[in-house]
Amino acid sequence: MAARVLLQRRVAPLAAAALVGSVAFAPRIAHAEAPNDRSISRKPIYDDEDFALPPSKPSSPAALTPSEAQNASAAPVSSSEPETTTTIVVHRPPTPTDRLAAQIRRARLFLYAQSCVVEDSVNDFMSRAFALEQSFTSTLASLAPSRESGEKLMPGLIYVLVSGMAGSIVARNRGVLLRATTPLAFGLGAAYYVLPVTMQNVGGLVWEYEKKFPAVADAHIKTREGIEHGVAMARMHADIAQQKVHDGVRSVREALEEWVRKGK
């Protein structure tokens, strides 16, 4: 009994050592790279519907063993069949981030279009304002008399105002029509007498605006013709009266001279 126990204690370590040595020194083929075909099927990390796996490329000649490379070089290559590459395109539905980006893009384009409309409106308004200002200043500059004429605005305007006030004083006890027209007539008369060049420029400007309204232009022409006819008739009657006065004075002078000559 004691001999059996002793034998078991000595044989067990020897058997374990022999098993380990047989496993360690057993002849095996160690591959430098992993084999092409995997016997173990593993589940991919991403689903096929989300991402498309590219087709497997043929291994390069450097990765083949010498025997496989020799067989590949010895095998005939058929040039009749072209080499085709298949690409699998899988469309996935847009994510909430894509929808949010699309909405932000639409909002930005809308705001940009509205800002462009507002900017164009402001530019048009400012252009019209600048054009109106330039037209107003150029019109005022065209009304001023030239330096060659020697006409000065400041004393002349004072004379015109004084004449208008004098006309209002003269017609203060008259009717409404006379009180309204007399200062205007006195002022215009003084303006044409003191500032002839300026009034000529003003008349030309008024006529340019009146030509846009034919009825007003015709009324202006008729009024001017009537005034010119009245002035011509007044001058003619003044000349006639002056001639009569001269004739009367001459006859009186001749009668006095005759009377003085007879008295001597």
Protein backbone atom coordinates (compact mmCIF):
# COMPACT_ATOMS: atom_id res chain seq x y z
CA MET A 1 0.00 0.00 0.00
CA ALA A 2 2.79 2.40 0.89
CA ALA A 3 4.69 1.40 -2.26
CA ARG A 4 1.63 2.22 -4.46
CA VAL A 5 1.24 5.67 -2.98
CA LEU A 6 4.94 6.36 -3.45
CA LEU A 7 4.76 5.22 -7.09
CA GLN A 8 1.78 7.47 -7.82
CA ARG A 9 3.59 10.49 -6.37
CA ARG A 10 6.62 9.88 -8.63
CA VAL A 11 4.75 8.96 -11.82
CA ALA A 12 2.28 11.93 -11.82
CA PRO A 13 4.92 14.65 -12.21
CA LEU A 14 6.69 12.68 -14.93
CA ALA A 15 3.43 12.28 -16.91
CA ALA A 16 2.63 15.98 -16.67
CA ALA A 17 6.12 16.91 -17.84
CA ALA A 18 5.86 14.53 -20.80
CA LEU A 19 2.47 16.02 -21.84
CA VAL A 20 3.78 19.58 -21.70
CA GLY A 21 6.88 18.65 -23.70
CA SER A 22 4.84 16.94 -26.39
CA VAL A 23 2.64 20.05 -26.74
CA ALA A 24 5.60 22.46 -26.82
CA PHE A 25 7.78 20.52 -29.28
CA ALA A 26 5.07 19.29 -31.62
CA PRO A 27 5.81 20.32 -35.29
CA ARG A 28 3.47 23.10 -36.63
CA ILE A 29 3.43 25.45 -39.62
CA ALA A 30 3.59 29.14 -38.58
CA HIS A 31 1.98 31.38 -41.16
CA ALA A 32 3.54 34.86 -41.66
CA GLU A 33 0.11 36.38 -42.47
CA ALA A 34 -3.46 35.49 -41.73
CA PRO A 35 -5.12 33.14 -44.24
CA ASN A 36 -7.32 34.59 -46.92
CA ASP A 37 -10.44 32.66 -46.05
CA ARG A 38 -11.66 33.05 -42.50
CA SER A 39 -13.30 29.99 -41.10
CA ILE A 40 -14.79 31.95 -38.21
CA SER A 41 -17.71 34.22 -39.18
CA ARG A 42 -17.89 37.36 -37.09
CA LYS A 43 -20.72 39.87 -36.93
CA PRO A 44 -19.73 43.29 -38.39
CA ILE A 45 -19.80 46.37 -36.21
CA TYR A 46 -22.03 48.41 -38.63
CA ASP A 47 -25.08 47.12 -40.46
CA ASP A 48 -24.98 46.62 -44.22
CA GLU A 49 -27.84 49.08 -44.77
CA ASP A 50 -25.85 51.97 -43.26
CA PHE A 51 -22.48 51.52 -44.87
CA ALA A 52 -21.36 49.73 -48.00
CA LEU A 53 -18.29 47.55 -47.69
CA PRO A 54 -15.82 48.06 -50.54
CA PRO A 55 -14.97 44.98 -52.63
CA SER A 56 -11.97 43.00 -51.52
CA LYS A 57 -8.85 43.78 -53.52
CA PRO A 58 -6.63 40.99 -54.78
CA SER A 59 -3.54 40.42 -52.73
CA SER A 60 -0.37 41.91 -54.10
CA PRO A 61 2.42 39.67 -55.41
CA ALA A 62 4.59 40.61 -52.43
CA ALA A 63 2.05 39.08 -50.03
CA LEU A 64 1.90 35.76 -51.90
CA THR A 65 4.12 32.81 -51.20
CA PRO A 66 6.76 31.93 -53.83
CA SER A 67 4.77 28.96 -55.10
CA GLU A 68 1.55 30.99 -55.43
CA ALA A 69 3.40 33.84 -57.19
CA GLN A 70 4.92 31.37 -59.69
CA ASN A 71 1.53 29.80 -60.38
CA ALA A 72 -0.03 33.25 -60.84
CA SER A 73 2.67 34.29 -63.32
CA ALA A 74 2.38 31.04 -65.25
CA ALA A 75 -1.40 31.25 -65.54
CA PRO A 76 -2.62 32.81 -68.85
CA VAL A 77 -4.33 36.19 -68.62
CA SER A 78 -7.40 36.62 -70.78
CA SER A 79 -7.64 40.15 -72.16
CA SER A 80 -11.09 39.63 -73.67
CA GLU A 81 -12.94 40.06 -70.37
CA PRO A 82 -12.50 43.55 -68.90
CA GLU A 83 -11.97 43.95 -65.21
CA THR A 84 -15.14 45.25 -63.54
CA THR A 85 -15.49 46.87 -60.14
CA THR A 86 -18.85 46.79 -58.38
CA THR A 87 -19.70 49.58 -55.95
CA ILE A 88 -22.72 49.22 -53.72
CA VAL A 89 -24.45 52.57 -52.96
CA VAL A 90 -26.85 52.48 -50.10
CA HIS A 91 -29.11 55.52 -49.45
CA ARG A 92 -29.93 56.11 -45.84
CA PRO A 93 -32.73 58.38 -44.60
CA PRO A 94 -31.73 61.91 -43.41
CA THR A 95 -30.95 62.23 -39.77
CA PRO A 96 -32.40 64.94 -37.47
CA THR A 97 -29.10 66.81 -37.78
CA ASP A 98 -29.44 66.85 -41.59
CA ARG A 99 -33.01 68.14 -41.32
CA LEU A 100 -31.93 70.87 -38.90
CA ALA A 101 -29.08 71.89 -41.23
CA ALA A 102 -31.53 72.11 -44.16
CA GLN A 103 -33.92 74.33 -42.18
CA ILE A 104 -31.06 76.59 -41.07
CA ARG A 105 -29.93 76.87 -44.70
CA ARG A 106 -33.42 77.90 -45.82
CA ALA A 107 -33.69 80.46 -43.03
CA ARG A 108 -30.30 81.96 -43.89
CA LEU A 109 -31.17 82.19 -47.59
CA PHE A 110 -34.50 83.86 -46.76
CA LEU A 111 -32.83 86.39 -44.47
CA TYR A 112 -30.17 87.07 -47.10
CA ALA A 113 -32.80 87.67 -49.79
CA GLN A 114 -34.76 90.04 -47.52
CA SER A 115 -31.60 91.94 -46.58
CA CYS A 116 -30.77 92.34 -50.28
CA VAL A 117 -34.26 93.73 -50.96
CA VAL A 118 -33.96 96.21 -48.08
CA GLU A 119 -30.49 97.24 -49.20
CA ASP A 120 -31.68 97.84 -52.77
CA SER A 121 -34.62 99.92 -51.51
CA VAL A 122 -32.36 102.07 -49.35
CA ASN A 123 -29.91 102.54 -52.22
CA ASP A 124 -32.71 103.59 -54.59
CA PHE A 125 -34.12 106.06 -52.04
CA MET A 126 -30.72 107.60 -51.40
CA SER A 127 -30.03 107.83 -55.14
CA ARG A 128 -33.33 109.67 -55.69
CA ALA A 129 -32.61 111.97 -52.75
CA PHE A 130 -29.13 112.81 -54.04
CA ALA A 131 -30.49 113.39 -57.56
CA LEU A 132 -33.20 115.71 -56.20
CA GLU A 133 -30.65 117.63 -54.13
CA GLN A 134 -28.33 117.99 -57.11
CA SER A 135 -31.19 119.17 -59.32
CA PHE A 136 -32.29 121.74 -56.72
CA THR A 137 -28.80 123.14 -56.22
CA SER A 138 -28.10 123.26 -59.95
CA THR A 139 -31.43 125.06 -60.54
CA LEU A 140 -30.64 127.69 -57.91
CA ALA A 141 -27.17 128.14 -59.34
CA SER A 142 -28.63 128.64 -62.83
CA LEU A 143 -30.93 131.42 -61.55
CA ALA A 144 -28.06 133.52 -60.21
CA PRO A 145 -26.78 136.25 -62.55
CA SER A 146 -23.37 135.90 -64.14
CA ARG A 147 -20.41 137.95 -63.01
CA GLU A 148 -20.16 139.66 -66.38
CA SER A 149 -23.60 141.23 -65.93
CA GLY A 150 -22.52 143.08 -62.79
CA GLU A 151 -25.88 142.39 -61.15
CA LYS A 152 -25.93 141.85 -57.36
CA LEU A 153 -28.69 139.96 -55.62
CA MET A 154 -28.49 141.36 -52.13
CA PRO A 155 -29.33 145.03 -52.69
CA GLY A 156 -31.78 144.13 -55.45
CA LEU A 157 -33.79 141.75 -53.24
CA ILE A 158 -34.02 144.43 -50.56
CA TYR A 159 -35.39 146.88 -53.13
CA VAL A 160 -37.95 144.33 -54.28
CA LEU A 161 -39.17 143.74 -50.70
CA VAL A 162 -39.43 147.46 -50.08
CA SER A 163 -41.44 147.89 -53.28
CA GLY A 164 -43.83 145.10 -52.26
CA MET A 165 -44.34 146.71 -48.85
CA ALA A 166 -45.00 150.05 -50.55
CA GLY A 167 -47.64 148.39 -52.75
CA SER A 168 -49.36 146.91 -49.69
CA ILE A 169 -49.37 150.34 -48.01
CA VAL A 170 -50.87 151.98 -51.10
CA ALA A 171 -53.65 149.39 -51.39
CA ARG A 172 -54.45 148.96 -47.69
CA ASN A 173 -57.80 150.81 -47.91
CA ARG A 174 -58.86 149.21 -51.19
CA GLY A 175 -60.65 145.97 -51.94
CA VAL A 176 -59.39 142.45 -51.35
CA LEU A 177 -58.35 141.98 -54.98
CA LEU A 178 -56.29 145.16 -55.06
CA ARG A 179 -54.69 144.41 -51.69
CA ALA A 180 -53.62 141.00 -53.03
CA THR A 181 -52.38 142.09 -56.46
CA THR A 182 -50.86 145.51 -55.81
CA PRO A 183 -47.87 144.34 -53.69
CA LEU A 184 -47.19 141.59 -56.24
CA ALA A 185 -47.29 144.04 -59.13
CA PHE A 186 -45.01 146.52 -57.34
CA GLY A 187 -42.55 143.75 -56.42
CA LEU A 188 -42.45 142.28 -59.92
CA GLY A 189 -42.01 145.70 -61.46
CA ALA A 190 -39.11 146.49 -59.14
CA ALA A 191 -37.58 143.05 -59.76
CA TYR A 192 -37.67 143.47 -63.54
CA TYR A 193 -36.18 146.93 -63.14
CA VAL A 194 -33.48 146.13 -60.52
CA LEU A 195 -32.71 142.45 -61.36
CA PRO A 196 -33.37 142.01 -65.09
CA VAL A 197 -30.98 139.09 -65.63
CA THR A 198 -32.26 137.16 -62.62
CA MET A 199 -35.88 137.69 -63.61
CA GLN A 200 -35.10 136.56 -67.14
CA ASN A 201 -33.60 133.34 -65.74
CA VAL A 202 -36.62 132.86 -63.47
CA GLY A 203 -38.97 133.41 -66.40
CA GLY A 204 -37.12 130.80 -68.47
CA LEU A 205 -37.34 128.27 -65.63
CA VAL A 206 -41.06 128.93 -65.11
CA TRP A 207 -41.64 128.55 -68.83
CA GLU A 208 -39.88 125.16 -68.83
CA TYR A 209 -42.27 123.94 -66.15
CA GLU A 210 -45.29 125.51 -67.84
CA LYS A 211 -44.58 123.67 -71.09
CA LYS A 212 -45.45 120.44 -69.32
CA PHE A 213 -49.04 121.72 -69.00
CA PRO A 214 -50.31 123.03 -72.35
CA ALA A 215 -53.32 124.85 -70.89
CA VAL A 216 -51.15 126.81 -68.47
CA ALA A 217 -48.64 127.57 -71.22
CA ASP A 218 -51.39 128.88 -73.53
CA ALA A 219 -52.81 131.05 -70.75
CA HIS A 220 -49.34 132.38 -70.03
CA ILE A 221 -48.77 133.22 -73.68
CA LYS A 222 -52.10 134.98 -73.96
CA THR A 223 -51.49 136.92 -70.76
CA ARG A 224 -48.03 137.96 -71.86
CA GLU A 225 -49.32 139.02 -75.26
CA GLY A 226 -52.06 141.03 -73.60
CA ILE A 227 -49.58 142.71 -71.27
CA GLU A 228 -47.20 143.46 -74.12
CA HIS A 229 -50.07 144.85 -76.20
CA GLY A 230 -51.21 147.00 -73.29
CA VAL A 231 -47.69 148.27 -72.70
CA ALA A 232 -47.30 149.06 -76.40
CA MET A 233 -50.61 150.91 -76.46
CA ALA A 234 -49.65 152.79 -73.31
CA ARG A 235 -46.36 153.80 -74.84
CA MET A 236 -48.10 154.87 -78.02
CA HIS A 237 -50.63 156.96 -76.11
CA ALA A 238 -47.82 158.40 -74.01
CA ASP A 239 -45.94 159.34 -77.15
CA ILE A 240 -49.05 160.93 -78.59
CA ALA A 241 -49.71 162.84 -75.41
CA GLN A 242 -46.09 163.90 -75.20
CA GLN A 243 -46.24 165.06 -78.80
CA LYS A 244 -49.40 167.03 -78.09
CA VAL A 245 -47.79 168.62 -75.06
CA HIS A 246 -44.74 169.50 -77.08
CA ASP A 247 -46.95 170.95 -79.80
CA GLY A 248 -48.94 172.97 -77.27
CA VAL A 249 -45.81 174.25 -75.55
CA ARG A 250 -44.30 175.18 -78.87
CA SER A 251 -47.44 177.01 -80.00
CA VAL A 252 -47.62 178.86 -76.70
CA ARG A 253 -43.97 179.77 -76.95
CA GLU A 254 -44.41 180.99 -80.52
CA ALA A 255 -47.46 183.04 -79.50
CA LEU A 256 -45.51 184.63 -76.64
CA GLU A 257 -42.59 185.36 -78.91
CA GLU A 258 -44.98 186.95 -81.46
CA TRP A 259 -46.67 188.97 -78.75
CA VAL A 260 -43.32 190.15 -77.42
CA ARG A 261 -42.19 191.07 -80.93
CA LYS A 262 -45.35 193.08 -81.59
CA GLY A 263 -45.09 194.87 -78.27
CA LYS A 264 -41.61 196.11 -79.15
